[in-house]
Amino acid sequence: MDNSCTVNLTVRYLAKKWSLLIILELYKGEQYTRRFSDLKDALPGITPKILSDRLKELEREGIIGNRIDTDRFPVKSEYFLTESGLEIVDIIKNIKKWALKWKINNILCQNQDCRVCVL
């Protein structure tokens, strides 16, 4: 596959471990927003360094944004889904529907709305 192929370029950051799960966790947040510590707590097993790296990559690609409030102490930083990020959530939901239909027999995962999923 050509290195400049759109699919190849997109897969480089979306297929990295944790990227799609971070997007889903932001989707679950109020107004699609979560703090770093909230994301860390919601993703057992992710290291702070990997979380930070993935957030920077997703921000660089325009999938998420970072709002920093310096008016208060301590400084408050929140990550949020952009319009582009919200569209990716629809793709993730379609992958889930496909997996439930064809590949994964997971009785616990019958919730079609990932936003309210607690698993």
N, C-alpha and C. Protein backbone atom coordinates (compact mmCIF):
# COMPACT_ATOMS: atom_id res chain seq x y z
N MET A 1 0.85 -1.18 0.00
CA MET A 1 0.00 0.00 0.00
C MET A 1 0.90 1.24 0.00
N ASP A 2 0.50 2.22 -0.76
CA ASP A 2 1.25 3.47 -0.88
C ASP A 2 1.22 4.24 0.45
N ASN A 3 2.34 4.77 0.88
CA ASN A 3 2.43 5.52 2.13
C ASN A 3 1.57 6.77 2.14
N SER A 4 1.23 7.30 0.97
CA SER A 4 0.42 8.52 0.92
C SER A 4 -1.07 8.22 0.78
N CYS A 5 -1.43 6.94 0.81
CA CYS A 5 -2.85 6.54 0.71
C CYS A 5 -3.62 7.09 1.92
N THR A 6 -4.78 7.64 1.68
CA THR A 6 -5.60 8.21 2.75
C THR A 6 -5.90 7.20 3.84
N VAL A 7 -6.24 5.98 3.47
CA VAL A 7 -6.54 4.94 4.46
C VAL A 7 -5.28 4.65 5.29
N ASN A 8 -4.16 4.51 4.63
CA ASN A 8 -2.91 4.23 5.32
C ASN A 8 -2.58 5.35 6.31
N LEU A 9 -2.70 6.58 5.89
CA LEU A 9 -2.39 7.72 6.76
C LEU A 9 -3.34 7.79 7.95
N THR A 10 -4.60 7.51 7.74
CA THR A 10 -5.60 7.58 8.81
C THR A 10 -5.41 6.45 9.81
N VAL A 11 -5.13 5.26 9.31
CA VAL A 11 -4.95 4.10 10.18
C VAL A 11 -3.75 4.28 11.09
N ARG A 12 -2.78 5.04 10.67
CA ARG A 12 -1.57 5.24 11.48
C ARG A 12 -1.90 5.79 12.87
N TYR A 13 -2.90 6.65 12.98
CA TYR A 13 -3.22 7.17 14.31
C TYR A 13 -4.49 6.57 14.90
N LEU A 14 -5.45 6.20 14.08
CA LEU A 14 -6.69 5.65 14.64
C LEU A 14 -6.53 4.21 15.12
N ALA A 15 -5.66 3.45 14.49
CA ALA A 15 -5.51 2.04 14.84
C ALA A 15 -4.56 1.81 16.01
N LYS A 16 -3.92 2.86 16.49
CA LYS A 16 -3.04 2.69 17.64
C LYS A 16 -3.88 2.31 18.86
N LYS A 17 -3.29 1.44 19.67
CA LYS A 17 -3.97 1.00 20.88
C LYS A 17 -4.42 2.20 21.70
N TRP A 18 -5.64 2.18 22.16
CA TRP A 18 -6.28 3.16 23.02
C TRP A 18 -6.96 4.30 22.28
N SER A 19 -6.60 4.58 21.04
CA SER A 19 -7.15 5.75 20.35
C SER A 19 -8.68 5.73 20.29
N LEU A 20 -9.26 4.64 19.81
CA LEU A 20 -10.72 4.58 19.69
C LEU A 20 -11.39 4.56 21.05
N LEU A 21 -10.75 3.94 22.03
CA LEU A 21 -11.33 3.92 23.38
C LEU A 21 -11.31 5.30 24.02
N ILE A 22 -10.29 6.07 23.75
CA ILE A 22 -10.24 7.45 24.24
C ILE A 22 -11.37 8.26 23.63
N ILE A 23 -11.57 8.08 22.33
CA ILE A 23 -12.67 8.79 21.65
C ILE A 23 -14.00 8.41 22.27
N LEU A 24 -14.22 7.13 22.55
CA LEU A 24 -15.48 6.69 23.17
C LEU A 24 -15.64 7.26 24.57
N GLU A 25 -14.57 7.33 25.33
CA GLU A 25 -14.66 7.90 26.68
C GLU A 25 -14.99 9.39 26.63
N LEU A 26 -14.44 10.10 25.67
CA LEU A 26 -14.81 11.51 25.51
C LEU A 26 -16.28 11.64 25.13
N TYR A 27 -16.76 10.73 24.30
CA TYR A 27 -18.16 10.72 23.89
C TYR A 27 -19.09 10.54 25.09
N LYS A 28 -18.65 9.78 26.08
CA LYS A 28 -19.46 9.54 27.28
C LYS A 28 -19.49 10.74 28.21
N GLY A 29 -18.54 11.64 28.08
CA GLY A 29 -18.46 12.78 28.98
C GLY A 29 -19.55 13.81 28.73
N GLU A 30 -19.84 14.58 29.77
CA GLU A 30 -20.82 15.66 29.63
C GLU A 30 -20.33 16.65 28.58
N GLN A 31 -21.16 16.92 27.59
CA GLN A 31 -20.80 17.77 26.44
C GLN A 31 -19.56 17.24 25.74
N TYR A 32 -19.41 15.90 25.77
CA TYR A 32 -18.30 15.20 25.09
C TYR A 32 -16.95 15.70 25.59
N THR A 33 -16.87 15.98 26.89
CA THR A 33 -15.67 16.58 27.48
C THR A 33 -15.26 15.77 28.71
N ARG A 34 -13.94 15.55 28.87
CA ARG A 34 -13.41 14.88 30.06
C ARG A 34 -12.04 15.45 30.39
N ARG A 35 -11.69 15.38 31.64
CA ARG A 35 -10.35 15.78 32.08
C ARG A 35 -9.40 14.59 31.94
N PHE A 36 -8.12 14.87 31.91
CA PHE A 36 -7.09 13.84 31.78
C PHE A 36 -7.29 12.76 32.84
N SER A 37 -7.47 13.17 34.09
CA SER A 37 -7.60 12.21 35.19
C SER A 37 -8.84 11.33 35.02
N ASP A 38 -9.93 11.91 34.49
CA ASP A 38 -11.14 11.12 34.24
C ASP A 38 -10.88 10.05 33.18
N LEU A 39 -10.17 10.44 32.13
CA LEU A 39 -9.84 9.48 31.07
C LEU A 39 -8.93 8.38 31.63
N LYS A 40 -7.95 8.76 32.41
CA LYS A 40 -7.02 7.79 33.00
C LYS A 40 -7.77 6.79 33.85
N ASP A 41 -8.71 7.27 34.67
CA ASP A 41 -9.49 6.39 35.55
C ASP A 41 -10.43 5.48 34.75
N ALA A 42 -10.93 5.96 33.63
CA ALA A 42 -11.89 5.19 32.83
C ALA A 42 -11.22 4.13 31.94
N LEU A 43 -9.91 4.22 31.80
CA LEU A 43 -9.18 3.30 30.91
C LEU A 43 -8.12 2.54 31.71
N PRO A 44 -8.55 1.53 32.48
CA PRO A 44 -7.58 0.77 33.28
C PRO A 44 -6.51 0.16 32.39
N GLY A 45 -5.28 0.32 32.81
CA GLY A 45 -4.17 -0.26 32.06
C GLY A 45 -3.41 0.73 31.20
N ILE A 46 -4.01 1.87 30.91
CA ILE A 46 -3.30 2.86 30.10
C ILE A 46 -2.34 3.63 31.01
N THR A 47 -1.15 3.88 30.51
CA THR A 47 -0.18 4.65 31.30
C THR A 47 -0.40 6.14 31.02
N PRO A 48 -0.02 6.99 31.95
CA PRO A 48 -0.15 8.44 31.72
C PRO A 48 0.59 8.89 30.46
N LYS A 49 1.76 8.31 30.20
CA LYS A 49 2.52 8.70 29.01
C LYS A 49 1.79 8.33 27.72
N ILE A 50 1.26 7.12 27.66
CA ILE A 50 0.52 6.70 26.45
C ILE A 50 -0.73 7.56 26.28
N LEU A 51 -1.45 7.81 27.36
CA LEU A 51 -2.65 8.65 27.28
C LEU A 51 -2.28 10.03 26.76
N SER A 52 -1.24 10.60 27.31
CA SER A 52 -0.79 11.91 26.86
C SER A 52 -0.40 11.90 25.38
N ASP A 53 0.35 10.88 24.97
CA ASP A 53 0.75 10.76 23.57
C ASP A 53 -0.45 10.64 22.63
N ARG A 54 -1.41 9.79 23.00
CA ARG A 54 -2.60 9.61 22.15
C ARG A 54 -3.43 10.89 22.08
N LEU A 55 -3.57 11.57 23.21
CA LEU A 55 -4.33 12.82 23.21
C LEU A 55 -3.67 13.85 22.29
N LYS A 56 -2.36 13.94 22.34
CA LYS A 56 -1.65 14.88 21.47
C LYS A 56 -1.84 14.52 20.00
N GLU A 57 -1.77 13.23 19.67
CA GLU A 57 -1.96 12.78 18.29
C GLU A 57 -3.37 13.10 17.80
N LEU A 58 -4.36 12.78 18.63
CA LEU A 58 -5.75 13.01 18.23
C LEU A 58 -6.04 14.51 18.11
N GLU A 59 -5.41 15.29 18.97
CA GLU A 59 -5.57 16.75 18.88
C GLU A 59 -4.91 17.28 17.60
N ARG A 60 -3.74 16.78 17.30
CA ARG A 60 -3.02 17.20 16.09
C ARG A 60 -3.83 16.88 14.83
N GLU A 61 -4.58 15.80 14.87
CA GLU A 61 -5.39 15.39 13.72
C GLU A 61 -6.76 16.08 13.69
N GLY A 62 -7.07 16.87 14.71
CA GLY A 62 -8.33 17.61 14.73
C GLY A 62 -9.52 16.80 15.20
N ILE A 63 -9.28 15.65 15.81
CA ILE A 63 -10.36 14.79 16.28
C ILE A 63 -10.82 15.22 17.66
N ILE A 64 -9.90 15.73 18.45
CA ILE A 64 -10.24 16.26 19.77
C ILE A 64 -9.63 17.65 19.91
N GLY A 65 -10.12 18.36 20.90
CA GLY A 65 -9.57 19.67 21.23
C GLY A 65 -9.21 19.68 22.70
N ASN A 66 -8.48 20.69 23.11
CA ASN A 66 -8.07 20.84 24.51
C ASN A 66 -8.36 22.28 24.94
N ARG A 67 -9.21 22.41 25.95
CA ARG A 67 -9.54 23.72 26.51
C ARG A 67 -8.79 23.87 27.82
N ILE A 68 -8.05 24.95 27.96
CA ILE A 68 -7.30 25.19 29.19
C ILE A 68 -7.83 26.46 29.84
N ASP A 69 -8.27 26.34 31.08
CA ASP A 69 -8.80 27.47 31.84
C ASP A 69 -7.73 27.91 32.84
N THR A 70 -7.06 29.01 32.53
CA THR A 70 -6.00 29.52 33.40
C THR A 70 -6.50 30.58 34.38
N ASP A 71 -7.81 30.84 34.36
CA ASP A 71 -8.38 31.84 35.26
C ASP A 71 -8.44 31.37 36.70
N ARG A 72 -8.34 30.06 36.90
CA ARG A 72 -8.41 29.50 38.24
C ARG A 72 -7.15 28.72 38.55
N PHE A 73 -6.96 28.47 39.85
CA PHE A 73 -5.86 27.61 40.26
C PHE A 73 -6.44 26.46 41.04
N PRO A 74 -6.10 25.24 40.76
CA PRO A 74 -5.15 24.84 39.73
C PRO A 74 -5.75 25.04 38.33
N VAL A 75 -4.87 25.14 37.37
CA VAL A 75 -5.28 25.29 35.97
C VAL A 75 -6.09 24.06 35.58
N LYS A 76 -7.20 24.30 34.87
CA LYS A 76 -8.10 23.22 34.49
C LYS A 76 -7.97 22.98 32.99
N SER A 77 -7.68 21.74 32.63
CA SER A 77 -7.55 21.37 31.22
C SER A 77 -8.58 20.29 30.92
N GLU A 78 -9.36 20.48 29.85
CA GLU A 78 -10.37 19.51 29.45
C GLU A 78 -10.20 19.18 27.98
N TYR A 79 -10.36 17.90 27.68
CA TYR A 79 -10.34 17.44 26.29
C TYR A 79 -11.77 17.25 25.84
N PHE A 80 -12.02 17.54 24.56
CA PHE A 80 -13.38 17.42 24.04
C PHE A 80 -13.34 16.91 22.60
N LEU A 81 -14.44 16.29 22.19
CA LEU A 81 -14.56 15.83 20.81
C LEU A 81 -14.92 16.99 19.90
N THR A 82 -14.25 17.06 18.78
CA THR A 82 -14.60 18.04 17.75
C THR A 82 -15.70 17.44 16.87
N GLU A 83 -16.17 18.19 15.92
CA GLU A 83 -17.17 17.69 14.98
C GLU A 83 -16.63 16.44 14.26
N SER A 84 -15.37 16.49 13.90
CA SER A 84 -14.72 15.35 13.25
C SER A 84 -14.72 14.14 14.18
N GLY A 85 -14.43 14.36 15.45
CA GLY A 85 -14.42 13.27 16.42
C GLY A 85 -15.79 12.65 16.61
N LEU A 86 -16.82 13.49 16.62
CA LEU A 86 -18.19 12.97 16.75
C LEU A 86 -18.56 12.10 15.56
N GLU A 87 -18.08 12.43 14.37
CA GLU A 87 -18.35 11.59 13.20
C GLU A 87 -17.66 10.24 13.31
N ILE A 88 -16.48 10.21 13.93
CA ILE A 88 -15.79 8.93 14.12
C ILE A 88 -16.58 8.03 15.07
N VAL A 89 -17.26 8.62 16.04
CA VAL A 89 -18.08 7.82 16.96
C VAL A 89 -19.14 7.04 16.18
N ASP A 90 -19.73 7.65 15.16
CA ASP A 90 -20.70 6.93 14.34
C ASP A 90 -20.06 5.72 13.67
N ILE A 91 -18.84 5.86 13.23
CA ILE A 91 -18.12 4.74 12.61
C ILE A 91 -17.85 3.65 13.64
N ILE A 92 -17.47 4.04 14.84
CA ILE A 92 -17.22 3.07 15.91
C ILE A 92 -18.52 2.31 16.23
N LYS A 93 -19.64 3.01 16.27
CA LYS A 93 -20.92 2.35 16.52
C LYS A 93 -21.24 1.34 15.43
N ASN A 94 -20.93 1.67 14.19
CA ASN A 94 -21.15 0.73 13.09
C ASN A 94 -20.24 -0.49 13.20
N ILE A 95 -19.02 -0.30 13.64
CA ILE A 95 -18.11 -1.42 13.87
C ILE A 95 -18.69 -2.32 14.96
N LYS A 96 -19.24 -1.71 16.00
CA LYS A 96 -19.83 -2.47 17.09
C LYS A 96 -21.02 -3.29 16.59
N LYS A 97 -21.89 -2.68 15.79
CA LYS A 97 -23.04 -3.41 15.23
C LYS A 97 -22.57 -4.58 14.39
N TRP A 98 -21.55 -4.37 13.58
CA TRP A 98 -21.02 -5.43 12.75
C TRP A 98 -20.47 -6.56 13.62
N ALA A 99 -19.70 -6.19 14.65
CA ALA A 99 -19.09 -7.19 15.53
C ALA A 99 -20.16 -8.01 16.27
N LEU A 100 -21.20 -7.35 16.73
CA LEU A 100 -22.27 -8.07 17.43
C LEU A 100 -23.00 -9.00 16.48
N LYS A 101 -23.13 -8.60 15.24
CA LYS A 101 -23.85 -9.42 14.26
C LYS A 101 -23.01 -10.59 13.76
N TRP A 102 -21.73 -10.36 13.49
CA TRP A 102 -20.94 -11.35 12.76
C TRP A 102 -19.81 -12.01 13.54
N LYS A 103 -19.22 -11.33 14.47
CA LYS A 103 -17.99 -11.86 15.03
C LYS A 103 -17.97 -12.08 16.54
N ILE A 104 -18.52 -11.21 17.28
CA ILE A 104 -18.35 -11.27 18.73
C ILE A 104 -19.67 -11.62 19.40
N ASN A 105 -19.68 -12.73 20.08
CA ASN A 105 -20.86 -13.14 20.83
C ASN A 105 -20.67 -12.70 22.27
N ASN A 106 -21.00 -11.45 22.54
CA ASN A 106 -20.77 -10.85 23.84
C ASN A 106 -22.11 -10.44 24.43
N ILE A 107 -22.65 -11.30 25.26
CA ILE A 107 -23.97 -11.06 25.86
C ILE A 107 -24.00 -9.75 26.64
N LEU A 108 -22.89 -9.40 27.31
CA LEU A 108 -22.87 -8.18 28.12
C LEU A 108 -22.97 -6.91 27.28
N CYS A 109 -22.64 -7.00 25.99
CA CYS A 109 -22.58 -5.81 25.16
C CYS A 109 -23.78 -5.75 24.21
N GLN A 110 -24.92 -5.52 24.76
CA GLN A 110 -26.13 -5.43 23.94
C GLN A 110 -26.64 -4.00 23.84
N ASN A 111 -25.97 -3.06 24.46
CA ASN A 111 -26.39 -1.68 24.46
C ASN A 111 -25.97 -1.03 23.14
N GLN A 112 -26.91 -0.56 22.36
CA GLN A 112 -26.59 0.02 21.07
C GLN A 112 -26.08 1.45 21.18
N ASP A 113 -26.27 2.08 22.32
CA ASP A 113 -25.78 3.45 22.50
C ASP A 113 -24.52 3.42 23.36
N CYS A 114 -23.37 3.60 22.73
CA CYS A 114 -22.09 3.55 23.46
C CYS A 114 -21.98 4.65 24.51
N ARG A 115 -22.78 5.68 24.39
CA ARG A 115 -22.67 6.79 25.34
C ARG A 115 -23.10 6.38 26.74
N VAL A 116 -24.03 5.45 26.84
CA VAL A 116 -24.50 5.03 28.16
C VAL A 116 -23.89 3.72 28.60
N CYS A 117 -23.03 3.16 27.80
CA CYS A 117 -22.37 1.90 28.14
C CYS A 117 -21.41 2.13 29.29
N VAL A 118 -21.47 1.28 30.28
CA VAL A 118 -20.58 1.42 31.41
C VAL A 118 -19.46 0.39 31.38
N LEU A 119 -19.45 -0.46 30.39
CA LEU A 119 -18.42 -1.51 30.31
C LEU A 119 -17.19 -0.99 29.63
